Amino acid sequence: MAKTLSSGRPTTLGRIKYGNSIPSSQQTRTVIRSYHALSKAHANAIRSGDQALATRIQKEIEAQGGLTSYQAASSAGQSSQRGGDSSKTLMEWLSSVTPNIGTGNLRMLEVGALSTSNACSRSGLFHVARIDLYSQEEGILQQNFMERPLPASDEERFDCVSLSLVLNYVPDPVMRGEMLKRTTKFLRRPPVKDTEREDSSGAFPCIFLVLPAPCVTNSRYLDDHRLEVIMGELGYKCIQQKQSEKLVYSLWRKLAEPPQTYKPVKKIGLRSGQRRNNFAIVLR
């Protein structure tokens, strides 16, 4: 059975409600960890062709509130009361890299958007287009990034594409590579390369990438260097990077249009050990 992007983020029937209160950190962690574990098991069942097992796991996901429950927990984790909005890091970086930048003239595509009131939305710096597989609120278009029509001109492209905790939900290493390839088609053409000068918009065009830390720090097949190689093949250069206990944040500037054909980046073992995970990104 062919896997789709939505197979990593299953449709939901159940719904969790917190009312006006913010759930505890323990509550949100429990929901998120359970959803991650079940989603991984679901993807593995599909990969092995065990439809009966996949169906049982899907029912368990739905019984626990499914994606709606997970998104509610994720939104709570990103609330200002928790200080968990990943786009705060992006805005801090842009302030330091492009201190003289204007306001309101840049375009951002936020893939996997959970909120219309995060830091990048409030900044006044961007006109933000927000999409998610399962929109939770008005102002977020329900759309699959891999099916979004390609821009017809540079005017329709974006200065920044945000993939915050999105790539880790794509259920296949090759599909992750295809998603990263596709981001290049949504970003504006980079400025003419003259003397590598840093101008007032020295961060743009760019992609803001956030991954769970174990995807980079504890994977058998991906580390910082391998990620840099993959992004380099696509014409990106890392200009900012940081790691917290749970997340790896990075900002990649598009320096050149990608080639028509890519140098393959295969799934090759980098680390050994029973406790490693199998997260990988493949370019074909």
Protein backbone atom coordinates (compact mmCIF):
# COMPACT_ATOMS: atom_id res chain seq x y z
CA MET A 1 0.00 0.00 0.00
CA ALA A 2 1.39 3.38 -0.98
CA LYS A 3 1.92 5.79 1.88
CA THR A 4 0.64 9.35 1.81
CA LEU A 5 1.53 12.41 3.81
CA SER A 6 -1.72 12.11 5.75
CA SER A 7 -0.82 8.58 6.85
CA GLY A 8 1.67 10.18 9.21
CA ARG A 9 -1.07 12.37 10.67
CA PRO A 10 -4.26 10.26 10.69
CA THR A 11 -7.80 11.59 10.35
CA THR A 12 -9.53 12.01 13.70
CA LEU A 13 -12.96 11.19 15.07
CA GLY A 14 -12.29 11.81 18.73
CA ARG A 15 -11.87 15.27 20.26
CA ILE A 16 -10.22 16.44 23.45
CA LYS A 17 -11.42 19.65 25.09
CA TYR A 18 -9.59 21.67 27.68
CA GLY A 19 -12.11 24.51 27.88
CA ASN A 20 -10.55 27.83 28.84
CA SER A 21 -7.83 26.28 30.97
CA ILE A 22 -4.32 25.41 29.87
CA PRO A 23 -3.51 21.72 30.52
CA SER A 24 -0.52 20.84 32.62
CA SER A 25 2.85 20.07 31.04
CA GLN A 26 2.45 16.45 32.12
CA GLN A 27 -0.92 16.22 30.38
CA THR A 28 0.39 17.62 27.12
CA ARG A 29 3.52 15.44 27.20
CA THR A 30 1.41 12.33 27.77
CA VAL A 31 -0.87 13.12 24.85
CA ILE A 32 2.02 13.99 22.53
CA ARG A 33 4.14 10.94 23.43
CA SER A 34 1.20 8.57 23.06
CA TYR A 35 0.28 10.03 19.69
CA HIS A 36 3.87 9.81 18.44
CA ALA A 37 4.17 6.16 19.54
CA LEU A 38 0.86 5.13 17.98
CA SER A 39 1.56 7.06 14.77
CA LYS A 40 4.91 5.30 14.43
CA ALA A 41 3.27 1.92 15.01
CA HIS A 42 0.58 2.79 12.46
CA ALA A 43 3.17 3.73 9.82
CA ASN A 44 5.12 0.53 10.51
CA ALA A 45 1.97 -1.57 10.11
CA ILE A 46 1.24 0.09 6.75
CA ARG A 47 4.86 -0.38 5.68
CA SER A 48 4.70 -4.09 6.45
CA GLY A 49 1.35 -4.49 4.69
CA ASP A 50 -0.52 -5.51 7.86
CA GLN A 51 -3.81 -3.74 7.20
CA ALA A 52 -5.60 -5.43 10.11
CA LEU A 53 -3.01 -4.16 12.59
CA ALA A 54 -3.03 -0.70 10.99
CA THR A 55 -6.81 -0.56 11.38
CA ARG A 56 -6.64 -1.56 15.06
CA ILE A 57 -3.98 1.06 15.78
CA GLN A 58 -6.01 3.68 13.89
CA LYS A 59 -9.02 2.92 16.10
CA GLU A 60 -6.85 3.29 19.20
CA ILE A 61 -5.55 6.65 17.93
CA GLU A 62 -9.12 7.82 17.37
CA ALA A 63 -10.26 6.53 20.76
CA GLN A 64 -7.60 8.72 22.40
CA GLY A 65 -8.70 11.82 20.50
CA GLY A 66 -6.49 11.42 17.46
CA LEU A 67 -4.93 14.36 15.72
CA THR A 68 -7.38 16.81 17.30
CA SER A 69 -6.17 15.79 20.76
CA TYR A 70 -2.54 16.01 19.66
CA GLN A 71 -3.01 19.43 18.07
CA ALA A 72 -4.75 20.72 21.20
CA ALA A 73 -1.78 19.55 23.26
CA SER A 74 0.68 21.03 20.78
CA SER A 75 -1.15 24.36 20.77
CA ALA A 76 -1.11 24.41 24.56
CA GLY A 77 2.61 23.73 24.48
CA GLN A 78 3.06 26.67 22.12
CA SER A 79 0.95 29.03 24.21
CA SER A 80 2.47 32.25 25.50
CA GLN A 81 1.87 30.97 29.02
CA ARG A 82 4.34 28.16 28.26
CA GLY A 83 6.75 30.16 26.11
CA GLY A 84 6.66 27.32 23.58
CA ASP A 85 6.08 29.17 20.29
CA SER A 86 8.92 28.02 17.99
CA SER A 87 8.50 31.05 15.75
CA LYS A 88 9.88 33.21 18.58
CA THR A 89 13.26 31.74 17.72
CA LEU A 90 12.79 32.61 14.06
CA MET A 91 11.91 36.22 14.87
CA GLU A 92 14.90 36.55 17.21
CA TRP A 93 17.19 35.28 14.48
CA LEU A 94 15.75 37.56 11.83
CA SER A 95 16.12 40.55 14.14
CA SER A 96 19.82 39.82 14.54
CA VAL A 97 20.54 38.85 10.92
CA THR A 98 18.42 41.54 9.26
CA PRO A 99 18.20 44.42 11.78
CA ASN A 100 17.27 47.04 9.15
CA ILE A 101 14.49 45.08 7.51
CA GLY A 102 11.14 46.79 6.91
CA THR A 103 7.71 45.56 7.93
CA GLY A 104 4.82 44.02 6.08
CA ASN A 105 6.54 43.57 2.71
CA LEU A 106 7.65 39.95 3.07
CA ARG A 107 5.65 36.80 2.44
CA MET A 108 5.75 33.67 4.59
CA LEU A 109 4.25 30.24 4.00
CA GLU A 110 3.71 28.48 7.33
CA VAL A 111 3.23 24.75 6.77
CA GLY A 112 1.59 22.85 9.62
CA ALA A 113 0.23 26.04 11.18
CA LEU A 114 -1.48 25.64 14.55
CA SER A 115 -2.21 29.27 15.40
CA THR A 116 -2.85 32.63 13.77
CA SER A 117 -1.38 34.48 16.75
CA ASN A 118 2.17 33.17 17.05
CA ALA A 119 5.23 35.40 17.03
CA CYS A 120 5.68 35.54 13.25
CA SER A 121 2.00 36.39 12.78
CA ARG A 122 2.14 39.20 15.35
CA SER A 123 5.45 40.62 14.11
CA GLY A 124 4.03 42.72 11.30
CA LEU A 125 7.01 41.60 9.24
CA PHE A 126 5.16 39.11 7.08
CA HIS A 127 2.01 38.57 5.13
CA VAL A 128 1.50 34.99 6.34
CA ALA A 129 -0.19 32.21 4.37
CA ARG A 130 -0.99 29.37 6.78
CA ILE A 131 -1.82 25.79 5.83
CA ASP A 132 -2.30 22.52 7.68
CA LEU A 133 -3.63 19.07 6.81
CA TYR A 134 -6.41 19.53 9.37
CA SER A 135 -7.10 23.19 10.05
CA GLN A 136 -8.12 24.07 13.61
CA GLU A 137 -9.17 27.66 13.13
CA GLU A 138 -10.17 30.34 10.67
CA GLY A 139 -7.17 31.84 8.95
CA ILE A 140 -5.50 28.44 8.42
CA LEU A 141 -6.23 26.86 5.05
CA GLN A 142 -6.79 23.10 5.13
CA GLN A 143 -4.32 21.97 2.52
CA ASN A 144 -1.60 19.39 1.86
CA PHE A 145 1.66 21.19 1.08
CA MET A 146 2.60 18.46 -1.39
CA GLU A 147 -0.59 19.20 -3.35
CA ARG A 148 -0.46 23.00 -3.14
CA PRO A 149 -0.29 24.52 -6.64
CA LEU A 150 3.18 25.74 -7.52
CA PRO A 151 3.67 29.51 -7.81
CA ALA A 152 3.31 30.78 -11.36
CA SER A 153 5.79 33.64 -10.92
CA ASP A 154 8.35 35.01 -8.49
CA GLU A 155 5.71 37.44 -7.20
CA GLU A 156 3.66 34.47 -6.00
CA ARG A 157 6.61 32.91 -4.21
CA PHE A 158 7.58 33.45 -0.58
CA ASP A 159 10.49 34.97 1.29
CA CYS A 160 10.27 32.36 4.04
CA VAL A 161 8.83 28.86 4.34
CA SER A 162 8.32 27.51 7.86
CA LEU A 163 8.43 23.75 8.50
CA SER A 164 8.16 23.58 12.28
CA LEU A 165 7.61 20.01 13.46
CA VAL A 166 6.29 19.01 10.04
CA LEU A 167 9.02 16.95 8.36
CA ASN A 168 9.04 14.42 11.20
CA TYR A 169 5.41 13.55 10.39
CA VAL A 170 6.14 12.62 6.79
CA PRO A 171 6.10 8.81 7.00
CA ASP A 172 8.86 7.95 4.53
CA PRO A 173 12.50 9.10 4.07
CA VAL A 174 12.09 9.63 0.32
CA MET A 175 8.91 11.66 0.86
CA ARG A 176 10.78 13.84 3.37
CA GLY A 177 13.38 14.52 0.71
CA GLU A 178 10.63 15.36 -1.78
CA MET A 179 9.09 17.80 0.69
CA LEU A 180 12.41 19.60 1.12
CA LYS A 181 12.87 19.69 -2.66
CA ARG A 182 9.42 21.21 -3.02
CA THR A 183 10.21 24.07 -0.63
CA THR A 184 12.71 25.43 -3.17
CA LYS A 185 9.90 25.95 -5.68
CA PHE A 186 7.93 28.11 -3.25
CA LEU A 187 10.79 30.45 -2.33
CA ARG A 188 11.75 33.52 -4.31
CA ARG A 189 14.81 33.36 -6.50
CA PRO A 190 17.92 34.28 -4.49
CA PRO A 191 19.63 37.62 -5.16
CA VAL A 192 22.34 37.68 -7.82
CA LYS A 193 25.52 36.40 -6.23
CA ASP A 194 28.11 39.13 -6.58
CA THR A 195 30.60 39.37 -3.73
CA GLU A 196 28.79 37.28 -1.09
CA ARG A 197 27.83 40.57 0.51
CA GLU A 198 25.38 40.69 3.41
CA ASP A 199 22.64 43.19 2.65
CA SER A 200 19.58 44.36 4.57
CA SER A 201 17.69 41.19 3.66
CA GLY A 202 20.60 38.81 4.16
CA ALA A 203 18.44 35.99 5.54
CA PHE A 204 16.09 35.74 2.59
CA PRO A 205 14.85 33.68 0.89
CA CYS A 206 14.96 31.05 3.65
CA ILE A 207 13.44 28.00 5.25
CA PHE A 208 12.87 27.71 9.00
CA LEU A 209 13.18 24.06 9.99
CA VAL A 210 12.33 22.60 13.40
CA LEU A 211 12.73 18.92 14.22
CA PRO A 212 12.47 16.89 17.41
CA ALA A 213 16.02 16.71 18.75
CA PRO A 214 16.24 12.88 18.59
CA CYS A 215 15.68 13.03 14.81
CA VAL A 216 19.12 14.64 14.52
CA THR A 217 20.95 13.72 17.72
CA ASN A 218 19.92 10.08 18.12
CA SER A 219 19.20 8.81 14.61
CA ARG A 220 21.07 6.00 12.95
CA TYR A 221 20.85 7.81 9.62
CA LEU A 222 20.85 11.57 10.24
CA ASP A 223 23.14 13.99 12.05
CA ASP A 224 24.01 17.68 11.69
CA HIS A 225 26.52 17.03 8.90
CA ARG A 226 24.19 14.79 6.88
CA LEU A 227 21.43 17.38 7.17
CA GLU A 228 23.86 20.04 5.95
CA VAL A 229 24.78 17.87 2.96
CA ILE A 230 21.13 17.32 2.07
CA MET A 231 20.23 20.98 2.36
CA GLY A 232 23.37 21.98 0.47
CA GLU A 233 22.31 19.82 -2.48
CA LEU A 234 19.10 21.86 -2.57
CA GLY A 235 20.95 25.18 -2.63
CA TYR A 236 20.59 26.01 1.08
CA LYS A 237 23.18 27.22 3.58
CA CYS A 238 22.64 27.12 7.33
CA ILE A 239 22.88 30.63 8.80
CA GLN A 240 21.46 29.93 12.27
CA GLN A 241 21.14 26.81 14.39
CA LYS A 242 20.40 25.93 17.99
CA GLN A 243 19.38 22.92 20.02
CA SER A 244 17.23 22.69 23.11
CA GLU A 245 16.56 19.59 25.19
CA LYS A 246 13.67 18.63 22.91
CA LEU A 247 14.09 20.45 19.60
CA VAL A 248 16.62 21.36 16.93
CA TYR A 249 16.00 24.72 15.24
CA SER A 250 17.74 25.84 12.05
CA LEU A 251 17.46 28.64 9.50
CA TRP A 252 18.61 27.94 5.94
CA ARG A 253 19.17 30.63 3.34
CA LYS A 254 18.54 29.73 -0.29
CA LEU A 255 21.72 30.73 -2.10
CA ALA A 256 21.02 29.19 -5.49
CA GLU A 257 18.33 27.49 -7.52
CA PRO A 258 18.63 23.71 -7.14
CA PRO A 259 19.98 21.65 -10.05
CA GLN A 260 17.73 19.72 -12.40
CA THR A 261 19.18 16.47 -11.10
CA TYR A 262 20.41 15.89 -7.58
CA LYS A 263 23.38 14.02 -6.26
CA PRO A 264 21.67 11.15 -4.43
CA VAL A 265 21.82 11.17 -0.63
CA LYS A 266 21.09 7.63 0.48
CA LYS A 267 20.02 6.13 3.78
CA ILE A 268 23.42 5.20 5.21
CA GLY A 269 24.19 4.21 8.78
CA LEU A 270 26.03 6.87 10.77
CA ARG A 271 25.57 5.65 14.34
CA SER A 272 25.06 2.26 15.91
CA GLY A 273 23.24 1.22 19.05
CA GLN A 274 19.96 -0.40 20.00
CA ARG A 275 18.47 2.82 21.37
CA ARG A 276 18.86 4.76 18.13
CA ASN A 277 15.84 5.74 16.04
CA ASN A 278 15.48 5.27 12.28
CA PHE A 279 14.64 8.83 11.21
CA ALA A 280 16.18 9.53 7.80
CA ILE A 281 15.94 11.87 4.81
CA VAL A 282 16.73 10.57 1.33
CA LEU A 283 17.34 12.56 -1.86
CA ARG A 284 16.81 10.85 -5.21
